[in-house]
N, C-alpha and C. Protein backbone atom coordinates (compact mmCIF):
# COMPACT_ATOMS: atom_id res chain seq x y z
N MET A 1 11.38 -6.03 -6.61
CA MET A 1 10.40 -5.60 -7.57
C MET A 1 10.08 -4.14 -7.29
N ASP A 2 9.92 -3.35 -8.33
CA ASP A 2 9.49 -1.96 -8.21
C ASP A 2 7.97 -1.93 -8.23
N VAL A 3 7.39 -1.22 -7.26
CA VAL A 3 5.94 -1.10 -7.16
C VAL A 3 5.57 0.37 -7.21
N THR A 4 4.64 0.72 -8.09
CA THR A 4 4.11 2.07 -8.15
C THR A 4 3.00 2.17 -7.11
N VAL A 5 3.14 3.13 -6.20
CA VAL A 5 2.18 3.31 -5.11
C VAL A 5 1.51 4.67 -5.29
N GLU A 6 0.21 4.65 -5.56
CA GLU A 6 -0.56 5.89 -5.64
C GLU A 6 -1.26 6.09 -4.31
N VAL A 7 -0.93 7.15 -3.60
CA VAL A 7 -1.61 7.50 -2.36
C VAL A 7 -2.69 8.50 -2.75
N VAL A 8 -3.95 8.09 -2.62
CA VAL A 8 -5.08 8.91 -3.07
C VAL A 8 -5.04 10.27 -2.38
N GLY A 9 -5.14 11.32 -3.20
CA GLY A 9 -5.15 12.68 -2.68
C GLY A 9 -3.79 13.24 -2.35
N GLU A 10 -2.74 12.47 -2.58
CA GLU A 10 -1.39 12.93 -2.26
C GLU A 10 -0.48 12.82 -3.47
N ASP A 11 0.23 11.71 -3.61
CA ASP A 11 1.19 11.58 -4.69
C ASP A 11 1.33 10.14 -5.13
N THR A 12 2.17 9.94 -6.12
CA THR A 12 2.50 8.60 -6.60
C THR A 12 4.01 8.45 -6.49
N ARG A 13 4.44 7.30 -6.00
CA ARG A 13 5.87 7.07 -5.85
C ARG A 13 6.21 5.62 -6.17
N GLU A 14 7.49 5.40 -6.40
CA GLU A 14 8.01 4.06 -6.66
C GLU A 14 8.65 3.53 -5.39
N VAL A 15 8.35 2.27 -5.07
CA VAL A 15 8.91 1.63 -3.88
C VAL A 15 9.50 0.30 -4.31
N VAL A 16 10.69 0.00 -3.80
CA VAL A 16 11.32 -1.29 -4.08
C VAL A 16 10.89 -2.26 -2.98
N VAL A 17 10.33 -3.40 -3.41
CA VAL A 17 9.84 -4.42 -2.48
C VAL A 17 10.61 -5.70 -2.74
N ASP A 18 11.16 -6.28 -1.68
CA ASP A 18 11.88 -7.55 -1.81
C ASP A 18 10.90 -8.72 -1.83
N ASP A 19 11.34 -9.85 -2.36
CA ASP A 19 10.51 -11.06 -2.37
C ASP A 19 10.04 -11.39 -0.97
N GLY A 20 8.77 -11.72 -0.84
CA GLY A 20 8.22 -12.12 0.45
C GLY A 20 7.72 -10.98 1.31
N GLU A 21 8.01 -9.73 0.91
CA GLU A 21 7.49 -8.61 1.70
C GLU A 21 5.99 -8.49 1.50
N THR A 22 5.32 -8.02 2.54
CA THR A 22 3.86 -7.95 2.54
C THR A 22 3.39 -6.53 2.22
N TYR A 23 2.06 -6.41 2.08
CA TYR A 23 1.49 -5.09 1.86
C TYR A 23 1.71 -4.19 3.08
N ALA A 24 1.77 -4.75 4.27
CA ALA A 24 2.09 -3.97 5.47
C ALA A 24 3.50 -3.40 5.37
N ASP A 25 4.45 -4.19 4.87
CA ASP A 25 5.82 -3.72 4.66
C ASP A 25 5.84 -2.57 3.65
N LEU A 26 5.06 -2.72 2.60
CA LEU A 26 4.96 -1.69 1.56
C LEU A 26 4.42 -0.39 2.15
N VAL A 27 3.39 -0.49 2.96
CA VAL A 27 2.80 0.69 3.60
C VAL A 27 3.81 1.37 4.51
N ARG A 28 4.54 0.60 5.28
CA ARG A 28 5.56 1.18 6.16
C ARG A 28 6.66 1.88 5.35
N ALA A 29 6.96 1.35 4.17
CA ALA A 29 8.00 1.93 3.32
C ALA A 29 7.63 3.33 2.82
N ILE A 30 6.33 3.64 2.81
CA ILE A 30 5.91 4.99 2.40
C ILE A 30 5.61 5.87 3.61
N GLY A 31 5.96 5.38 4.79
CA GLY A 31 5.82 6.19 5.99
C GLY A 31 4.44 6.20 6.61
N ARG A 32 3.67 5.19 6.34
CA ARG A 32 2.32 5.08 6.91
C ARG A 32 2.24 3.84 7.78
N SER A 33 1.22 3.81 8.63
CA SER A 33 0.93 2.65 9.45
C SER A 33 -0.15 1.82 8.76
N PRO A 34 -0.03 0.50 8.77
CA PRO A 34 -1.06 -0.34 8.16
C PRO A 34 -2.45 -0.13 8.77
N GLN A 35 -2.51 0.40 10.00
CA GLN A 35 -3.80 0.63 10.65
C GLN A 35 -4.50 1.89 10.13
N GLU A 36 -3.79 2.76 9.42
CA GLU A 36 -4.39 4.01 8.97
C GLU A 36 -4.73 4.02 7.49
N VAL A 37 -4.44 2.93 6.77
CA VAL A 37 -4.70 2.89 5.33
C VAL A 37 -5.27 1.54 4.91
N THR A 38 -5.82 1.53 3.71
CA THR A 38 -6.21 0.29 3.05
C THR A 38 -5.47 0.25 1.72
N VAL A 39 -4.93 -0.91 1.39
CA VAL A 39 -4.24 -1.08 0.11
C VAL A 39 -5.22 -1.74 -0.86
N LEU A 40 -5.35 -1.13 -2.04
CA LEU A 40 -6.25 -1.64 -3.07
C LEU A 40 -5.44 -2.13 -4.27
N VAL A 41 -5.82 -3.30 -4.77
CA VAL A 41 -5.26 -3.85 -6.01
C VAL A 41 -6.44 -4.02 -6.96
N ASP A 42 -6.38 -3.34 -8.08
CA ASP A 42 -7.48 -3.34 -9.06
C ASP A 42 -8.80 -2.97 -8.39
N GLY A 43 -8.75 -2.02 -7.44
CA GLY A 43 -9.95 -1.52 -6.79
C GLY A 43 -10.48 -2.34 -5.64
N SER A 44 -9.84 -3.45 -5.33
CA SER A 44 -10.28 -4.32 -4.23
C SER A 44 -9.24 -4.32 -3.11
N PRO A 45 -9.69 -4.27 -1.84
CA PRO A 45 -8.75 -4.30 -0.73
C PRO A 45 -8.03 -5.64 -0.63
N VAL A 46 -6.79 -5.60 -0.18
CA VAL A 46 -6.01 -6.82 0.02
C VAL A 46 -5.57 -6.90 1.48
N PRO A 47 -5.43 -8.12 2.03
CA PRO A 47 -4.97 -8.27 3.41
C PRO A 47 -3.54 -7.75 3.57
N GLU A 48 -3.29 -7.09 4.69
CA GLU A 48 -1.96 -6.51 4.91
C GLU A 48 -0.87 -7.55 5.05
N ASP A 49 -1.23 -8.79 5.42
CA ASP A 49 -0.22 -9.83 5.61
C ASP A 49 0.03 -10.65 4.35
N GLN A 50 -0.59 -10.28 3.24
CA GLN A 50 -0.41 -10.99 1.97
C GLN A 50 0.86 -10.48 1.29
N PRO A 51 1.66 -11.37 0.69
CA PRO A 51 2.86 -10.92 -0.03
C PRO A 51 2.49 -10.06 -1.24
N VAL A 52 3.31 -9.07 -1.51
CA VAL A 52 3.10 -8.19 -2.67
C VAL A 52 3.45 -8.97 -3.94
N THR A 53 2.49 -9.00 -4.87
CA THR A 53 2.71 -9.74 -6.12
C THR A 53 2.39 -8.92 -7.36
N VAL A 54 2.05 -7.64 -7.17
CA VAL A 54 1.69 -6.78 -8.30
C VAL A 54 2.65 -5.60 -8.37
N ASP A 55 2.65 -4.90 -9.51
CA ASP A 55 3.57 -3.78 -9.66
C ASP A 55 2.91 -2.41 -9.51
N SER A 56 1.62 -2.40 -9.13
CA SER A 56 0.93 -1.14 -8.95
C SER A 56 -0.19 -1.31 -7.93
N VAL A 57 -0.23 -0.40 -6.93
CA VAL A 57 -1.28 -0.43 -5.91
C VAL A 57 -1.78 0.98 -5.65
N THR A 58 -2.95 1.06 -5.06
CA THR A 58 -3.51 2.32 -4.60
C THR A 58 -3.63 2.24 -3.10
N VAL A 59 -3.21 3.29 -2.41
CA VAL A 59 -3.31 3.36 -0.96
C VAL A 59 -4.35 4.42 -0.61
N LEU A 60 -5.34 4.00 0.16
CA LEU A 60 -6.43 4.88 0.55
C LEU A 60 -6.34 5.12 2.05
N ARG A 61 -6.19 6.38 2.43
CA ARG A 61 -6.13 6.71 3.86
C ARG A 61 -7.53 6.57 4.46
N LEU A 62 -7.59 5.97 5.63
CA LEU A 62 -8.85 5.82 6.34
C LEU A 62 -9.05 7.03 7.23
N ILE A 63 -10.29 7.49 7.32
CA ILE A 63 -10.58 8.67 8.11
C ILE A 63 -11.47 8.27 9.28
N LYS A 64 -11.06 8.71 10.46
CA LYS A 64 -11.88 8.50 11.65
C LYS A 64 -12.34 9.85 12.14
N GLY A 65 -13.51 9.87 12.65
CA GLY A 65 -14.00 11.14 13.17
C GLY A 65 -15.10 10.91 14.17
N GLY A 66 -15.49 11.96 14.81
CA GLY A 66 -16.54 11.79 15.79
C GLY A 66 -17.53 12.90 15.75
């Protein structure tokens, strides 16, 4: 399945996801670590271990600071 991935503040790209792949797999496919981002579907966060079932997601980078 082709998934449109919008990385907030960066770009939008197309990623091919195989059946059974998770949101963590999708995040890794765009060169990010699941620990540094949150994946949103229709504005709501989804668990990284959930299989991808939609054709469009938003990836929000998490910011840590001190």
